[in-house]
């Protein structure tokens, strides 16, 4: 096993920095996926959406409601 002076290990011997490195290379996080789904209309993702609901309502119903 390659020992590094900057390595930090859990009580079970897992290299914390190696896990973080692999996670960074793994792709999208759970929250990244939720944000992506919100932008494409996913169910239950409103809190991740950057859609201005008032603007959409005005587009649908016109400026005067």
Protein backbone atom coordinates (compact mmCIF):
# COMPACT_ATOMS: atom_id res chain seq x y z
CA UNK A 1 0.00 0.00 0.00
CA UNK A 2 1.31 3.44 -0.91
CA UNK A 3 1.73 5.46 2.31
CA UNK A 4 1.56 9.24 1.97
CA UNK A 5 2.44 11.71 4.68
CA UNK A 6 -0.77 13.72 4.02
CA UNK A 7 -3.06 10.67 4.20
CA UNK A 8 -5.82 10.63 6.80
CA UNK A 9 -7.44 7.35 7.71
CA UNK A 10 -10.69 6.36 9.40
CA UNK A 11 -10.67 3.91 12.31
CA UNK A 12 -11.33 1.11 9.80
CA UNK A 13 -8.31 2.11 7.69
CA UNK A 14 -10.06 3.93 4.84
CA UNK A 15 -7.99 6.71 3.24
CA UNK A 16 -10.27 9.75 3.54
CA UNK A 17 -8.46 11.79 0.88
CA UNK A 18 -8.63 8.91 -1.61
CA UNK A 19 -12.41 8.60 -1.08
CA UNK A 20 -12.84 12.35 -1.61
CA UNK A 21 -10.76 12.19 -4.79
CA UNK A 22 -12.79 9.30 -6.18
CA UNK A 23 -16.06 11.03 -5.30
CA UNK A 24 -14.94 14.16 -7.15
CA UNK A 25 -14.28 12.07 -10.25
CA UNK A 26 -17.55 10.12 -10.00
CA UNK A 27 -19.78 12.63 -11.79
CA UNK A 28 -22.91 14.42 -10.66
CA UNK A 29 -23.86 14.61 -7.00
CA UNK A 30 -27.39 13.90 -5.81
CA UNK A 31 -28.10 17.65 -5.59
CA UNK A 32 -26.61 18.21 -9.07
CA UNK A 33 -29.04 15.64 -10.48
CA UNK A 34 -32.00 17.21 -8.64
CA UNK A 35 -31.05 20.64 -10.03
CA UNK A 36 -30.74 19.24 -13.55
CA UNK A 37 -34.14 17.55 -13.24
CA UNK A 38 -35.69 20.78 -11.96
CA UNK A 39 -34.41 22.63 -15.00
CA UNK A 40 -35.97 20.03 -17.28
CA UNK A 41 -39.28 19.71 -15.42
CA UNK A 42 -38.72 16.87 -12.95
CA UNK A 43 -41.37 16.02 -10.30
CA UNK A 44 -40.81 17.32 -6.76
CA UNK A 45 -37.84 19.50 -7.66
CA UNK A 46 -39.34 22.99 -7.22
CA UNK A 47 -36.86 24.03 -4.54
CA UNK A 48 -34.00 23.47 -7.01
CA UNK A 49 -35.67 25.34 -9.85
CA UNK A 50 -34.62 28.82 -10.93
CA UNK A 51 -37.93 29.39 -12.74
CA UNK A 52 -39.67 32.67 -11.88
CA UNK A 53 -43.23 31.45 -11.28
CA UNK A 54 -44.72 34.93 -11.44
CA UNK A 55 -43.15 35.51 -14.84
CA UNK A 56 -44.59 32.22 -16.13
CA UNK A 57 -48.06 33.12 -14.80
CA UNK A 58 -47.88 36.46 -16.62
CA UNK A 59 -46.87 34.73 -19.84
CA UNK A 60 -49.79 32.32 -19.53
CA UNK A 61 -52.49 34.74 -18.39
CA UNK A 62 -51.23 38.00 -19.81
CA UNK A 63 -49.97 41.06 -17.96
CA UNK A 64 -53.36 41.85 -16.39
CA UNK A 65 -54.73 39.27 -13.97
